[in-house]
Amino acid sequence: MSKSPRKSIVASFGLLSAELESSEAAADQPSPPPAPTTQPVRVGAGVIGAAHRAIGDIRAERDRLRAIVESGEGWIQDLDPHIIDPSPYPDRLPDDHPHDFERFKRSVEEEGQKVPIQVRRHPSSPDRYQVVYGHRRWRAALELGRSVRAIEVEISDLDLVLAQGIENASRQDLTWIERALFALRMDDAGIKARHIYAALSIEDAELARMRSVYRAIPADVIEAIGRAPKVGRPRWLELAKAVSAQHDALEAVRSALSDAGKAKETSDERFQLALHAIKPRAGSRNSQVPISDASGTRLGACVVSPREMRISGEGKLGLEFIKFVEEELPGLVERFALRKKP
């Protein structure tokens, strides 16, 4: 018995999407300027081999796209990005560095959209679509006010979420909490545990750890913290344990994150604020406090230990702040001496 068109697309989705992402990432990297030299440049066999493999990947990608179109399982078309919605199962958190997307958008503006996105018909709005793969390309087209090239495929909710998970498993830049949050989306959608294992390439013990985190820390708190690229599984487990141990922990965490929203802390710093709100560090360990002015501009950070305080500056304003603190030190000493007088 032959497979249905929907299943055949899903079966090849992981490999196809991985290749699309590889091509997109390669196109997104700016080429370095050539270095001046008076000697002839010798190109190694490894470089030549890599170039041949890259060309082979492009040809394979073209053949796969052509096969999808010719089989009738999908077709390339130009769509208005305003009639396209994101996937109902988001798998990414906002990045702390929006300039990376701006660079990508400029690349699309100057060089065009090299790879189509994949979409499906919206299950409840026949005149609309949902992104299956290619959210950044769709967003770039939306902000640039131009149509987006897309392949329309037929895919169910279950296969969509599994396909996203399989594709995400090959990404190196997804943080642990983003993967855990995606497991939460699958859990909420009623996806069975065995399918979550397959989608994320994990075992039952790892899913149990993820569940212990997102069942203790609600999704809105995780999203308020962000992707926290420097925070791994052990720290998230530590935060989840601390939240579970105190009945008013979530209130304290939300309050700390609300205050953080007024400044420009990174997601890693927001995690630290959340953890310190319910589990202050022991006195023998250093604690870092971000320094920002009234407008939220980051000036630097202050690292405090029982016997030492170090202030670091960031940018031009940060250096000016360091100089200001140095000039104010004599006055601070006088105020301290007055406070100590009987």
Protein backbone atom coordinates (compact mmCIF):
# COMPACT_ATOMS: atom_id res chain seq x y z
CA MET A 1 0.00 0.00 0.00
CA SER A 2 1.43 3.39 -0.96
CA LYS A 3 1.78 6.17 1.56
CA SER A 4 -0.60 9.11 1.50
CA PRO A 5 0.77 12.47 0.20
CA ARG A 6 0.58 13.97 3.70
CA LYS A 7 2.73 11.23 5.22
CA SER A 8 5.28 11.33 2.41
CA ILE A 9 5.82 15.05 2.99
CA VAL A 10 6.26 14.57 6.72
CA ALA A 11 8.65 11.67 6.17
CA SER A 12 11.02 13.89 4.19
CA PHE A 13 10.33 17.11 6.12
CA GLY A 14 13.20 16.84 8.59
CA LEU A 15 15.88 16.36 5.91
CA LEU A 16 14.38 18.93 3.56
CA SER A 17 13.99 21.57 6.28
CA ALA A 18 17.51 20.97 7.58
CA GLU A 19 18.88 21.59 4.11
CA LEU A 20 16.79 24.72 3.68
CA GLU A 21 18.07 26.10 7.00
CA SER A 22 21.66 25.30 6.06
CA SER A 23 21.31 27.22 2.81
CA GLU A 24 19.59 30.13 4.55
CA ALA A 25 22.25 30.33 7.25
CA ALA A 26 25.01 30.27 4.65
CA ALA A 27 23.35 33.05 2.69
CA ASP A 28 22.87 35.08 5.85
CA GLN A 29 26.57 35.29 6.68
CA PRO A 30 28.30 38.40 5.26
CA SER A 31 31.38 37.69 3.16
CA PRO A 32 34.62 39.02 4.72
CA PRO A 33 36.63 41.49 2.64
CA PRO A 34 39.58 39.88 0.81
CA ALA A 35 42.90 40.36 2.59
CA PRO A 36 45.64 42.03 0.55
CA THR A 37 48.46 39.64 -0.36
CA THR A 38 51.36 39.47 -2.75
CA GLN A 39 51.62 35.67 -2.61
CA PRO A 40 49.41 33.32 -4.64
CA VAL A 41 46.68 31.74 -2.53
CA ARG A 42 46.71 27.94 -2.39
CA VAL A 43 43.28 26.39 -1.96
CA GLY A 44 43.33 23.14 -0.02
CA ALA A 45 41.59 19.98 -1.12
CA GLY A 46 39.27 20.24 1.90
CA VAL A 47 37.97 23.61 0.74
CA ILE A 48 37.38 22.32 -2.78
CA GLY A 49 35.62 19.26 -1.39
CA ALA A 50 33.41 21.45 0.79
CA ALA A 51 32.49 23.60 -2.21
CA HIS A 52 31.52 20.51 -4.23
CA ARG A 53 29.43 19.24 -1.32
CA ALA A 54 27.69 22.64 -1.03
CA ILE A 55 26.86 22.58 -4.74
CA GLY A 56 25.58 19.04 -4.34
CA ASP A 57 23.35 20.11 -1.46
CA ILE A 58 21.88 22.94 -3.54
CA ARG A 59 21.16 20.55 -6.42
CA ALA A 60 19.61 18.04 -4.04
CA GLU A 61 17.44 20.76 -2.53
CA ARG A 62 16.32 21.90 -5.99
CA ASP A 63 15.47 18.32 -6.96
CA ARG A 64 13.46 17.77 -3.77
CA LEU A 65 11.50 20.99 -4.22
CA ARG A 66 10.83 20.07 -7.85
CA ALA A 67 9.68 16.59 -6.78
CA ILE A 68 7.22 18.06 -4.28
CA VAL A 69 5.78 20.41 -6.89
CA GLU A 70 5.60 17.82 -9.70
CA SER A 71 3.96 15.23 -7.41
CA GLY A 72 1.14 17.64 -6.66
CA GLU A 73 1.88 17.50 -2.93
CA GLY A 74 2.77 21.19 -2.88
CA TRP A 75 3.23 24.09 -5.25
CA ILE A 76 5.25 27.29 -5.21
CA GLN A 77 3.30 30.53 -5.22
CA ASP A 78 3.69 34.17 -4.25
CA LEU A 79 1.55 35.01 -1.23
CA ASP A 80 0.67 38.19 0.62
CA PRO A 81 2.40 37.79 4.01
CA HIS A 82 -0.56 39.54 5.66
CA ILE A 83 -2.77 36.50 5.01
CA ILE A 84 -0.25 34.18 6.69
CA ASP A 85 -0.20 33.45 10.43
CA PRO A 86 2.68 31.95 12.44
CA SER A 87 2.62 28.31 13.44
CA PRO A 88 0.19 27.62 16.29
CA TYR A 89 3.11 25.92 18.08
CA PRO A 90 5.85 28.56 18.50
CA ASP A 91 9.29 27.06 19.00
CA ARG A 92 11.42 30.16 19.53
CA LEU A 93 11.69 32.91 22.12
CA PRO A 94 12.65 36.50 21.23
CA ASP A 95 16.38 37.08 20.83
CA ASP A 96 18.34 39.59 22.89
CA HIS A 97 20.09 40.77 19.70
CA PRO A 98 17.51 41.99 17.15
CA HIS A 99 20.31 43.30 14.91
CA ASP A 100 20.87 39.70 13.72
CA PHE A 101 17.39 39.67 12.19
CA GLU A 102 17.89 43.16 10.75
CA ARG A 103 21.00 41.91 8.96
CA PHE A 104 19.05 38.95 7.62
CA LYS A 105 16.22 41.25 6.47
CA ARG A 106 18.70 43.47 4.60
CA SER A 107 20.04 40.36 2.87
CA VAL A 108 16.52 39.44 1.72
CA GLU A 109 15.91 43.01 0.57
CA GLU A 110 19.12 43.17 -1.46
CA GLU A 111 19.37 39.61 -2.77
CA GLY A 112 15.78 38.42 -2.72
CA GLN A 113 14.22 35.38 -1.07
CA LYS A 114 16.37 32.43 -2.07
CA VAL A 115 14.33 29.60 -0.51
CA PRO A 116 10.51 29.33 -0.34
CA ILE A 117 8.81 29.00 3.02
CA GLN A 118 6.39 26.15 3.68
CA VAL A 119 2.77 26.89 4.56
CA ARG A 120 -0.51 25.06 5.03
CA ARG A 121 -4.12 26.20 4.81
CA HIS A 122 -5.38 27.60 8.10
CA PRO A 123 -7.62 24.88 9.57
CA SER A 124 -10.33 27.32 10.67
CA SER A 125 -9.88 30.17 8.13
CA PRO A 126 -9.82 28.84 4.55
CA ASP A 127 -8.62 32.17 3.14
CA ARG A 128 -5.55 32.23 5.36
CA TYR A 129 -2.38 30.17 5.80
CA GLN A 130 -0.10 29.10 8.64
CA VAL A 131 3.69 28.88 8.51
CA VAL A 132 5.04 25.36 8.72
CA TYR A 133 8.66 26.37 8.23
CA GLY A 134 10.42 29.67 7.45
CA HIS A 135 9.18 32.14 10.08
CA ARG A 136 12.12 34.53 9.62
CA ARG A 137 11.63 34.74 5.85
CA TRP A 138 7.90 35.32 6.33
CA ARG A 139 8.56 38.07 8.92
CA ALA A 140 11.17 39.71 6.66
CA ALA A 141 8.70 39.81 3.74
CA LEU A 142 6.02 41.20 6.06
CA GLU A 143 8.26 44.05 7.28
CA LEU A 144 9.59 44.74 3.78
CA GLY A 145 6.07 44.93 2.34
CA ARG A 146 6.67 42.37 -0.38
CA SER A 147 5.16 39.00 -1.30
CA VAL A 148 6.69 35.80 0.02
CA ARG A 149 7.42 32.72 -2.08
CA ALA A 150 5.84 29.68 -0.48
CA ILE A 151 5.22 25.98 -0.99
CA GLU A 152 1.76 24.95 0.16
CA VAL A 153 1.57 21.48 1.71
CA GLU A 154 -1.14 19.42 3.35
CA ILE A 155 -0.19 18.59 6.93
CA SER A 156 -2.11 17.88 10.13
CA ASP A 157 -1.59 19.51 13.52
CA LEU A 158 0.18 16.41 14.80
CA ASP A 159 2.48 16.12 11.81
CA LEU A 160 3.16 19.86 11.86
CA VAL A 161 4.32 19.87 15.46
CA LEU A 162 6.37 16.71 14.95
CA ALA A 163 7.96 18.13 11.80
CA GLN A 164 8.93 21.32 13.64
CA GLY A 165 10.41 19.28 16.46
CA ILE A 166 12.40 17.05 14.12
CA GLU A 167 13.79 20.10 12.30
CA ASN A 168 14.61 21.85 15.57
CA ALA A 169 16.59 18.85 16.80
CA SER A 170 19.24 19.65 14.16
CA ARG A 171 19.62 23.28 15.27
CA GLN A 172 22.57 24.10 17.47
CA ASP A 173 21.38 27.54 18.60
CA LEU A 174 18.16 26.51 20.35
CA THR A 175 18.56 26.80 24.11
CA TRP A 176 17.50 24.11 26.54
CA ILE A 177 14.50 26.11 27.75
CA GLU A 178 13.30 26.71 24.17
CA ARG A 179 13.31 22.96 23.60
CA ALA A 180 11.53 22.44 26.93
CA LEU A 181 8.95 25.08 26.03
CA PHE A 182 8.32 23.33 22.72
CA ALA A 183 7.78 20.09 24.64
CA LEU A 184 5.20 22.01 26.69
CA ARG A 185 3.42 23.08 23.48
CA MET A 186 3.26 19.45 22.40
CA ASP A 187 2.03 18.37 25.82
CA ASP A 188 -0.70 21.01 25.72
CA ALA A 189 -1.70 19.84 22.23
CA GLY A 190 -2.19 16.31 23.52
CA ILE A 191 0.81 14.88 21.69
CA LYS A 192 1.73 11.50 23.16
CA ALA A 193 5.01 11.15 25.01
CA ARG A 194 6.47 8.74 22.44
CA HIS A 195 5.96 11.34 19.72
CA ILE A 196 7.62 14.04 21.86
CA TYR A 197 10.61 11.72 22.33
CA ALA A 198 10.86 11.31 18.56
CA ALA A 199 10.33 14.98 17.76
CA LEU A 200 13.02 16.23 20.16
CA SER A 201 15.35 13.21 19.96
CA ILE A 202 15.22 12.78 23.73
CA GLU A 203 14.55 9.95 26.17
CA ASP A 204 11.93 9.69 28.90
CA ALA A 205 14.31 10.92 31.62
CA GLU A 206 14.97 14.16 29.75
CA LEU A 207 11.28 14.74 29.12
CA ALA A 208 10.67 14.19 32.83
CA ARG A 209 13.22 16.91 33.63
CA MET A 210 11.62 19.28 31.13
CA ARG A 211 8.19 18.63 32.62
CA SER A 212 9.49 19.28 36.14
CA VAL A 213 10.56 22.73 34.94
CA TYR A 214 7.56 23.86 32.90
CA ARG A 215 5.07 22.46 35.38
CA ALA A 216 6.70 24.47 38.18
CA ILE A 217 7.41 27.60 36.11
CA PRO A 218 4.44 28.79 34.00
CA ALA A 219 4.95 29.61 30.34
CA ASP A 220 4.39 33.35 30.88
CA VAL A 221 7.29 33.44 33.36
CA ILE A 222 9.56 31.47 31.01
CA GLU A 223 8.67 33.83 28.15
CA ALA A 224 9.32 36.86 30.37
CA ILE A 225 12.80 35.52 31.14
CA GLY A 226 13.57 34.61 27.54
CA ARG A 227 15.84 32.13 25.84
CA ALA A 228 18.76 32.62 28.30
CA PRO A 229 21.50 31.14 26.06
CA LYS A 230 24.05 30.90 28.91
CA VAL A 231 21.63 29.13 31.27
CA GLY A 232 21.51 25.37 30.91
CA ARG A 233 19.38 22.58 32.27
CA PRO A 234 20.90 22.46 35.81
CA ARG A 235 20.10 26.12 36.51
CA TRP A 236 16.53 25.82 35.22
CA LEU A 237 16.05 22.76 37.43
CA GLU A 238 17.42 24.80 40.33
CA LEU A 239 14.94 27.59 39.66
CA ALA A 240 12.04 25.12 39.34
CA LYS A 241 13.00 23.50 42.65
CA ALA A 242 13.19 26.89 44.37
CA VAL A 243 9.79 27.90 42.95
CA SER A 244 8.20 24.65 44.13
CA ALA A 245 9.61 25.09 47.64
CA GLN A 246 7.91 28.46 48.31
CA HIS A 247 4.19 29.15 48.07
CA ASP A 248 4.70 32.82 47.12
CA ALA A 249 7.71 32.26 44.87
CA LEU A 250 5.95 33.00 41.58
CA GLU A 251 4.66 36.31 42.88
CA ALA A 252 8.22 37.32 43.84
CA VAL A 253 9.58 36.18 40.48
CA ARG A 254 6.93 38.04 38.48
CA SER A 255 7.59 41.19 40.52
CA ALA A 256 11.33 40.96 39.85
CA LEU A 257 10.76 40.40 36.13
CA SER A 258 8.32 43.32 36.00
CA ASP A 259 11.02 45.61 37.40
CA ALA A 260 13.54 44.14 34.96
CA GLY A 261 11.25 45.04 32.06
CA LYS A 262 11.88 48.72 32.76
CA ALA A 263 15.61 48.31 32.08
CA LYS A 264 17.52 46.54 29.31
CA GLU A 265 18.65 43.35 30.99
CA THR A 266 19.50 40.40 28.80
CA SER A 267 17.56 37.16 29.18
CA ASP A 268 20.50 35.65 31.10
CA GLU A 269 20.36 38.56 33.56
CA ARG A 270 16.58 38.24 33.87
CA PHE A 271 17.06 34.60 34.83
CA GLN A 272 19.50 35.63 37.55
CA LEU A 273 17.04 38.23 38.83
CA ALA A 274 14.28 35.61 38.96
CA LEU A 275 16.49 33.17 40.82
CA HIS A 276 17.77 35.78 43.29
CA ALA A 277 14.21 36.90 44.00
CA ILE A 278 13.48 33.59 45.71
CA LYS A 279 16.95 32.19 46.36
CA PRO A 280 19.49 34.90 47.27
CA ARG A 281 23.05 33.81 46.86
CA ALA A 282 25.04 32.83 49.89
CA GLY A 283 27.20 35.57 51.40
CA SER A 284 30.38 33.82 50.34
CA ARG A 285 29.50 34.10 46.67
CA ASN A 286 29.56 37.09 44.36
CA SER A 287 26.34 38.70 43.13
CA GLN A 288 26.10 40.88 40.05
CA VAL A 289 23.67 43.79 39.84
CA PRO A 290 23.07 45.56 36.50
CA ILE A 291 23.41 49.36 36.50
CA SER A 292 21.03 51.39 34.31
CA ASP A 293 20.01 55.05 34.27
CA ALA A 294 16.44 56.34 34.58
CA SER A 295 15.80 55.88 30.84
CA GLY A 296 16.85 52.24 31.00
CA THR A 297 20.20 52.73 29.26
CA ARG A 298 22.68 50.14 30.47
CA LEU A 299 25.76 51.72 32.08
CA GLY A 300 27.47 48.62 33.42
CA ALA A 301 27.31 46.18 36.30
CA CYS A 302 28.31 46.01 39.94
CA VAL A 303 29.77 42.77 41.33
CA VAL A 304 29.61 42.55 45.11
CA SER A 305 31.29 40.06 47.43
CA PRO A 306 31.71 40.21 51.23
CA ARG A 307 35.08 41.95 50.89
CA GLU A 308 35.00 43.56 47.48
CA MET A 309 32.90 45.66 45.10
CA ARG A 310 33.78 45.95 41.42
CA ILE A 311 32.00 48.25 38.98
CA SER A 312 32.35 47.70 35.24
CA GLY A 313 31.23 50.15 32.57
CA GLU A 314 29.63 49.48 29.18
CA GLY A 315 30.01 51.82 26.25
CA LYS A 316 30.86 55.52 26.32
CA LEU A 317 28.27 56.36 29.00
CA GLY A 318 29.53 53.49 31.12
CA LEU A 319 33.08 54.84 31.04
CA GLU A 320 31.79 58.29 31.96
CA PHE A 321 29.90 56.73 34.87
CA ILE A 322 33.08 55.01 36.12
CA LYS A 323 34.89 58.37 36.07
CA PHE A 324 31.96 60.00 37.89
CA VAL A 325 32.07 57.35 40.65
CA GLU A 326 35.82 57.88 41.02
CA GLU A 327 35.32 61.63 41.43
CA GLU A 328 32.58 61.07 43.99
CA LEU A 329 34.60 58.70 46.19
CA PRO A 330 36.05 61.42 48.50
CA GLY A 331 32.54 62.76 49.15
CA LEU A 332 31.27 59.26 49.90
CA VAL A 333 34.08 58.75 52.41
CA GLU A 334 33.14 61.99 54.19
CA ARG A 335 29.46 61.01 54.32
CA PHE A 336 30.41 57.60 55.69
CA ALA A 337 32.60 59.19 58.38
CA LEU A 338 29.76 61.54 59.42
CA ARG A 339 27.37 58.62 59.71
CA LYS A 340 29.79 56.82 62.04
CA LYS A 341 30.25 59.77 64.39
CA PRO A 342 28.42 59.36 67.75
